[in-house]
Amino acid sequence: MDNNNQKEMLEIVERSLDDFRKGMEYREQLSIRIGRRTTQIIRFGMLGLSILGLALFYLIFILTKDFSNITTHMTAMSGYMQQMEASFITVAGTIGEVNDTMQTLNESITVMPALNTSVRSMDGNLGTLSTDMHALVAQIEYMNSNVANMTGNLQLLNAQFTDMNRIIGSMSGNVHDMAKPMKMFPFQ
């Protein structure tokens, strides 16, 4: 009977040790699974951050390129402004000539040949003035198109920043959701 008790005790101990071994194996497998999932989360997180970094570098590249275009347009506008200044000086000189011609006409009103000469001179001056004004209008129209292009570039830049902010907000939510499973484990 003692022998049977010992046998039963040994079987109980053997079963207990076997259950303990199975429990330890299960715990080890669970730890490996946790480690794999953690590694996957870290890999996906790093991949997401890499993609975000590439997107940011691309946006910086586009921003630099757009600022280069803006600088080019501003330089062109500066040239047109200088041409406009020269045209205004020409217009002012032409108006002075018209004034001189009018004074000459006033003094020589009684003499027809002098009047005819003055009228021809005034005609030429007014033609020059008209040509200068047309050139000025063309330059202003060109400057307006440059300003419109610059406005479009700035709107594109604003839209890209808005998209970047939305993507970053979405990614922070995704990172928060990825971290939720980790809060259940006691080894935080």
C-alpha atoms as a PDB file:
ATOM      1  CA  MET A   1       0.000   0.000   0.000  1.00  0.00           C
ATOM      2  CA  ASP A   2       2.875   2.342   0.682  1.00  0.00           C
ATOM      3  CA  ASN A   3       4.181   1.481  -2.700  1.00  0.00           C
ATOM      4  CA  ASN A   4       0.847   2.471  -4.337  1.00  0.00           C
ATOM      5  CA  ASN A   5       0.829   5.774  -2.461  1.00  0.00           C
ATOM      6  CA  GLN A   6       4.311   6.523  -3.648  1.00  0.00           C
ATOM      7  CA  LYS A   7       3.337   5.614  -7.185  1.00  0.00           C
ATOM      8  CA  GLU A   8       0.318   7.887  -7.039  1.00  0.00           C
ATOM      9  CA  MET A   9       2.423  10.674  -5.545  1.00  0.00           C
ATOM     10  CA  LEU A  10       5.013  10.217  -8.263  1.00  0.00           C
ATOM     11  CA  GLU A  11       2.296  10.333 -10.921  1.00  0.00           C
ATOM     12  CA  ILE A  12       0.809  13.456  -9.373  1.00  0.00           C
ATOM     13  CA  VAL A  13       4.247  15.088  -9.194  1.00  0.00           C
ATOM     14  CA  GLU A  14       4.995  13.955 -12.748  1.00  0.00           C
ATOM     15  CA  ARG A  15       1.690  15.391 -14.013  1.00  0.00           C
ATOM     16  CA  SER A  16       2.290  18.604 -12.099  1.00  0.00           C
ATOM     17  CA  LEU A  17       5.787  18.932 -13.551  1.00  0.00           C
ATOM     18  CA  ASP A  18       4.438  18.128 -17.005  1.00  0.00           C
ATOM     19  CA  ASP A  19       1.690  20.794 -16.586  1.00  0.00           C
ATOM     20  CA  PHE A  20       4.333  23.220 -15.304  1.00  0.00           C
ATOM     21  CA  ARG A  21       6.576  22.465 -18.309  1.00  0.00           C
ATOM     22  CA  LYS A  22       3.636  22.972 -20.706  1.00  0.00           C
ATOM     23  CA  GLY A  23       2.741  26.227 -18.971  1.00  0.00           C
ATOM     24  CA  MET A  24       6.342  27.438 -19.270  1.00  0.00           C
ATOM     25  CA  GLU A  25       6.420  26.465 -22.961  1.00  0.00           C
ATOM     26  CA  TYR A  26       3.153  28.335 -23.523  1.00  0.00           C
ATOM     27  CA  ARG A  27       4.573  31.336 -21.671  1.00  0.00           C
ATOM     28  CA  GLU A  28       7.722  31.191 -23.791  1.00  0.00           C
ATOM     29  CA  GLN A  29       5.674  31.010 -27.004  1.00  0.00           C
ATOM     30  CA  LEU A  30       3.565  33.932 -25.801  1.00  0.00           C
ATOM     31  CA  SER A  31       6.728  35.939 -25.096  1.00  0.00           C
ATOM     32  CA  ILE A  32       8.043  35.130 -28.582  1.00  0.00           C
ATOM     33  CA  ARG A  33       4.739  36.217 -30.141  1.00  0.00           C
ATOM     34  CA  ILE A  34       4.797  39.433 -28.129  1.00  0.00           C
ATOM     35  CA  GLY A  35       8.373  40.043 -29.257  1.00  0.00           C
ATOM     36  CA  ARG A  36       7.467  39.431 -32.910  1.00  0.00           C
ATOM     37  CA  ARG A  37       4.486  41.738 -32.738  1.00  0.00           C
ATOM     38  CA  THR A  38       6.539  44.396 -31.017  1.00  0.00           C
ATOM     39  CA  THR A  39       9.166  44.046 -33.740  1.00  0.00           C
ATOM     40  CA  GLN A  40       6.474  44.354 -36.422  1.00  0.00           C
ATOM     41  CA  ILE A  41       5.045  47.452 -34.750  1.00  0.00           C
ATOM     42  CA  ILE A  42       8.498  49.009 -34.576  1.00  0.00           C
ATOM     43  CA  ARG A  43       9.235  48.103 -38.212  1.00  0.00           C
ATOM     44  CA  PHE A  44       5.934  49.546 -39.444  1.00  0.00           C
ATOM     45  CA  GLY A  45       6.482  52.612 -37.281  1.00  0.00           C
ATOM     46  CA  MET A  46       9.957  53.145 -38.734  1.00  0.00           C
ATOM     47  CA  LEU A  47       8.616  52.557 -42.244  1.00  0.00           C
ATOM     48  CA  GLY A  48       5.885  55.133 -41.612  1.00  0.00           C
ATOM     49  CA  LEU A  49       8.400  57.623 -40.237  1.00  0.00           C
ATOM     50  CA  SER A  50      10.666  57.002 -43.250  1.00  0.00           C
ATOM     51  CA  ILE A  51       7.788  57.640 -45.629  1.00  0.00           C
ATOM     52  CA  LEU A  52       6.857  60.762 -43.688  1.00  0.00           C
ATOM     53  CA  GLY A  53      10.496  61.905 -43.811  1.00  0.00           C
ATOM     54  CA  LEU A  54      10.606  61.382 -47.573  1.00  0.00           C
ATOM     55  CA  ALA A  55       7.346  63.297 -47.948  1.00  0.00           C
ATOM     56  CA  LEU A  56       8.753  66.147 -45.864  1.00  0.00           C
ATOM     57  CA  PHE A  57      11.962  66.250 -47.912  1.00  0.00           C
ATOM     58  CA  TYR A  58       9.871  66.267 -51.085  1.00  0.00           C
ATOM     59  CA  LEU A  59       7.768  69.152 -49.749  1.00  0.00           C
ATOM     60  CA  ILE A  60      10.922  71.053 -48.785  1.00  0.00           C
ATOM     61  CA  PHE A  61      12.267  70.449 -52.297  1.00  0.00           C
ATOM     62  CA  ILE A  62       9.041  71.761 -53.848  1.00  0.00           C
ATOM     63  CA  LEU A  63       9.053  74.756 -51.495  1.00  0.00           C
ATOM     64  CA  THR A  64      12.655  75.578 -52.430  1.00  0.00           C
ATOM     65  CA  LYS A  65      11.828  75.223 -56.118  1.00  0.00           C
ATOM     66  CA  ASP A  66       8.759  77.477 -55.777  1.00  0.00           C
ATOM     67  CA  PHE A  67      10.786  80.097 -53.910  1.00  0.00           C
ATOM     68  CA  SER A  68      13.321  79.946 -56.743  1.00  0.00           C
ATOM     69  CA  ASN A  69      10.491  80.583 -59.231  1.00  0.00           C
ATOM     70  CA  ILE A  70       9.192  83.443 -57.092  1.00  0.00           C
ATOM     71  CA  THR A  71      12.683  84.955 -56.976  1.00  0.00           C
ATOM     72  CA  THR A  72      12.939  84.679 -60.771  1.00  0.00           C
ATOM     73  CA  HIS A  73       9.561  86.386 -61.201  1.00  0.00           C
ATOM     74  CA  MET A  74      10.497  89.089 -58.715  1.00  0.00           C
ATOM     75  CA  THR A  75      13.748  89.733 -60.605  1.00  0.00           C
ATOM     76  CA  ALA A  76      11.790  89.943 -63.875  1.00  0.00           C
ATOM     77  CA  MET A  77       9.297  92.302 -62.204  1.00  0.00           C
ATOM     78  CA  SER A  78      12.183  94.484 -61.040  1.00  0.00           C
ATOM     79  CA  GLY A  79      13.374  94.745 -64.652  1.00  0.00           C
ATOM     80  CA  TYR A  80       9.883  95.668 -65.806  1.00  0.00           C
ATOM     81  CA  MET A  81       9.626  98.273 -63.071  1.00  0.00           C
ATOM     82  CA  GLN A  82      12.878  99.826 -64.289  1.00  0.00           C
ATOM     83  CA  GLN A  83      11.511  99.818 -67.850  1.00  0.00           C
ATOM     84  CA  MET A  84       8.312 101.413 -66.575  1.00  0.00           C
ATOM     85  CA  GLU A  85      10.359 104.075 -64.816  1.00  0.00           C
ATOM     86  CA  ALA A  86      12.197 104.772 -68.075  1.00  0.00           C
ATOM     87  CA  SER A  87       8.851 104.913 -69.898  1.00  0.00           C
ATOM     88  CA  PHE A  88       7.486 107.373 -67.324  1.00  0.00           C
ATOM     89  CA  ILE A  89      10.580 109.534 -67.790  1.00  0.00           C
ATOM     90  CA  THR A  90      10.013 109.393 -71.552  1.00  0.00           C
ATOM     91  CA  VAL A  91       6.343 110.314 -71.056  1.00  0.00           C
ATOM     92  CA  ALA A  92       7.330 113.223 -68.795  1.00  0.00           C
ATOM     93  CA  GLY A  93       9.840 114.401 -71.408  1.00  0.00           C
ATOM     94  CA  THR A  94       7.230 114.050 -74.150  1.00  0.00           C
ATOM     95  CA  ILE A  95       4.702 116.027 -72.134  1.00  0.00           C
ATOM     96  CA  GLY A  96       7.342 118.729 -71.683  1.00  0.00           C
ATOM     97  CA  GLU A  97       7.849 118.762 -75.451  1.00  0.00           C
ATOM     98  CA  VAL A  98       4.085 119.024 -75.968  1.00  0.00           C
ATOM     99  CA  ASN A  99       4.030 121.967 -73.573  1.00  0.00           C
ATOM    100  CA  ASP A 100       6.859 123.643 -75.477  1.00  0.00           C
ATOM    101  CA  THR A 101       5.064 123.011 -78.761  1.00  0.00           C
ATOM    102  CA  MET A 102       1.864 124.516 -77.415  1.00  0.00           C
ATOM    103  CA  GLN A 103       3.733 127.633 -76.324  1.00  0.00           C
ATOM    104  CA  THR A 104       5.326 127.900 -79.741  1.00  0.00           C
ATOM    105  CA  LEU A 105       1.912 127.449 -81.338  1.00  0.00           C
ATOM    106  CA  ASN A 106       0.465 130.164 -79.129  1.00  0.00           C
ATOM    107  CA  GLU A 107       3.224 132.581 -80.097  1.00  0.00           C
ATOM    108  CA  SER A 108       3.059 131.721 -83.788  1.00  0.00           C
ATOM    109  CA  ILE A 109      -0.691 131.492 -84.253  1.00  0.00           C
ATOM    110  CA  THR A 110      -0.713 134.198 -86.896  1.00  0.00           C
ATOM    111  CA  VAL A 111       1.919 132.545 -89.084  1.00  0.00           C
ATOM    112  CA  MET A 112       0.516 129.467 -90.883  1.00  0.00           C
ATOM    113  CA  PRO A 113       3.783 127.787 -91.924  1.00  0.00           C
ATOM    114  CA  ALA A 114       5.055 127.965 -88.340  1.00  0.00           C
ATOM    115  CA  LEU A 115       1.686 126.643 -87.206  1.00  0.00           C
ATOM    116  CA  ASN A 116       1.912 123.776 -89.722  1.00  0.00           C
ATOM    117  CA  THR A 117       5.396 122.862 -88.436  1.00  0.00           C
ATOM    118  CA  SER A 118       4.241 122.991 -84.828  1.00  0.00           C
ATOM    119  CA  VAL A 119       1.237 120.818 -85.594  1.00  0.00           C
ATOM    120  CA  ARG A 120       3.485 118.241 -87.303  1.00  0.00           C
ATOM    121  CA  SER A 121       5.860 118.253 -84.329  1.00  0.00           C
ATOM    122  CA  MET A 122       2.960 117.887 -81.930  1.00  0.00           C
ATOM    123  CA  ASP A 123       1.596 115.025 -84.048  1.00  0.00           C
ATOM    124  CA  GLY A 124       4.902 113.203 -83.802  1.00  0.00           C
ATOM    125  CA  ASN A 125       5.111 113.798 -80.060  1.00  0.00           C
ATOM    126  CA  LEU A 126       1.586 112.504 -79.537  1.00  0.00           C
ATOM    127  CA  GLY A 127       2.401 109.416 -81.639  1.00  0.00           C
ATOM    128  CA  THR A 128       5.459 108.793 -79.454  1.00  0.00           C
ATOM    129  CA  LEU A 129       3.322 109.302 -76.351  1.00  0.00           C
ATOM    130  CA  SER A 130       0.756 106.828 -77.672  1.00  0.00           C
ATOM    131  CA  THR A 131       3.474 104.269 -78.431  1.00  0.00           C
ATOM    132  CA  ASP A 132       4.967 104.708 -74.944  1.00  0.00           C
ATOM    133  CA  MET A 133       1.540 104.307 -73.338  1.00  0.00           C
ATOM    134  CA  HIS A 134       0.874 101.101 -75.316  1.00  0.00           C
ATOM    135  CA  ALA A 135       4.254  99.722 -74.231  1.00  0.00           C
ATOM    136  CA  LEU A 136       3.436 100.654 -70.628  1.00  0.00           C
ATOM    137  CA  VAL A 137       0.059  98.869 -70.802  1.00  0.00           C
ATOM    138  CA  ALA A 138       1.717  95.739 -72.256  1.00  0.00           C
ATOM    139  CA  GLN A 139       4.289  95.710 -69.442  1.00  0.00           C
ATOM    140  CA  ILE A 140       1.567  96.119 -66.795  1.00  0.00           C
ATOM    141  CA  GLU A 141      -0.383  93.216 -68.333  1.00  0.00           C
ATOM    142  CA  TYR A 142       2.741  91.038 -68.280  1.00  0.00           C
ATOM    143  CA  MET A 143       3.374  92.007 -64.652  1.00  0.00           C
ATOM    144  CA  ASN A 144      -0.247  91.083 -63.793  1.00  0.00           C
ATOM    145  CA  SER A 145       0.241  87.618 -65.319  1.00  0.00           C
ATOM    146  CA  ASN A 146       3.453  87.160 -63.271  1.00  0.00           C
ATOM    147  CA  VAL A 147       1.604  88.147 -60.087  1.00  0.00           C
ATOM    148  CA  ALA A 148      -1.199  85.702 -60.994  1.00  0.00           C
ATOM    149  CA  ASN A 149       1.380  82.899 -61.483  1.00  0.00           C
ATOM    150  CA  MET A 150       2.948  83.733 -58.138  1.00  0.00           C
ATOM    151  CA  THR A 151      -0.513  83.635 -56.479  1.00  0.00           C
ATOM    152  CA  GLY A 152      -1.134  80.179 -57.975  1.00  0.00           C
ATOM    153  CA  ASN A 153       2.233  78.933 -56.668  1.00  0.00           C
ATOM    154  CA  LEU A 154       1.470  80.260 -53.176  1.00  0.00           C
ATOM    155  CA  GLN A 155      -1.962  78.610 -53.213  1.00  0.00           C
ATOM    156  CA  LEU A 156      -0.368  75.295 -54.251  1.00  0.00           C
ATOM    157  CA  LEU A 157       2.143  75.649 -51.425  1.00  0.00           C
ATOM    158  CA  ASN A 158      -0.689  76.344 -48.949  1.00  0.00           C
ATOM    159  CA  ALA A 159      -2.607  73.264 -50.164  1.00  0.00           C
ATOM    160  CA  GLN A 160       0.509  71.103 -49.781  1.00  0.00           C
ATOM    161  CA  PHE A 161       1.028  72.316 -46.201  1.00  0.00           C
ATOM    162  CA  THR A 162      -2.654  71.590 -45.452  1.00  0.00           C
ATOM    163  CA  ASP A 163      -2.285  68.039 -46.867  1.00  0.00           C
ATOM    164  CA  MET A 164       0.921  67.517 -44.872  1.00  0.00           C
ATOM    165  CA  ASN A 165      -0.821  68.605 -41.627  1.00  0.00           C
ATOM    166  CA  ARG A 166      -3.725  66.230 -42.328  1.00  0.00           C
ATOM    167  CA  ILE A 167      -1.342  63.305 -43.037  1.00  0.00           C
ATOM    168  CA  ILE A 168       0.676  63.974 -39.885  1.00  0.00           C
ATOM    169  CA  GLY A 169      -2.539  64.119 -37.803  1.00  0.00           C
ATOM    170  CA  SER A 170      -3.681  60.838 -39.319  1.00  0.00           C
ATOM    171  CA  MET A 171      -0.294  59.211 -38.686  1.00  0.00           C
ATOM    172  CA  SER A 172      -0.281  60.310 -35.024  1.00  0.00           C
ATOM    173  CA  GLY A 173      -3.676  58.628 -34.607  1.00  0.00           C
ATOM    174  CA  ASN A 174      -2.321  55.480 -36.266  1.00  0.00           C
ATOM    175  CA  VAL A 175       0.740  55.440 -34.002  1.00  0.00           C
ATOM    176  CA  HIS A 176      -1.526  55.872 -30.973  1.00  0.00           C
ATOM    177  CA  ASP A 177      -3.713  52.971 -32.170  1.00  0.00           C
ATOM    178  CA  MET A 178      -0.626  50.785 -32.735  1.00  0.00           C
ATOM    179  CA  ALA A 179       0.524  51.457 -29.172  1.00  0.00           C
ATOM    180  CA  LYS A 180      -2.822  50.449 -27.595  1.00  0.00           C
ATOM    181  CA  PRO A 181      -2.049  46.676 -27.507  1.00  0.00           C
ATOM    182  CA  MET A 182       1.133  47.383 -25.544  1.00  0.00           C
ATOM    183  CA  LYS A 183      -0.875  48.934 -22.668  1.00  0.00           C
ATOM    184  CA  MET A 184      -2.375  45.545 -21.816  1.00  0.00           C
ATOM    185  CA  PHE A 185       0.980  44.005 -20.895  1.00  0.00           C
ATOM    186  CA  PRO A 186       2.472  44.396 -17.434  1.00  0.00           C
ATOM    187  CA  PHE A 187       6.025  45.176 -18.608  1.00  0.00           C
ATOM    188  CA  GLN A 188       5.493  48.756 -19.787  1.00  0.00           C
END
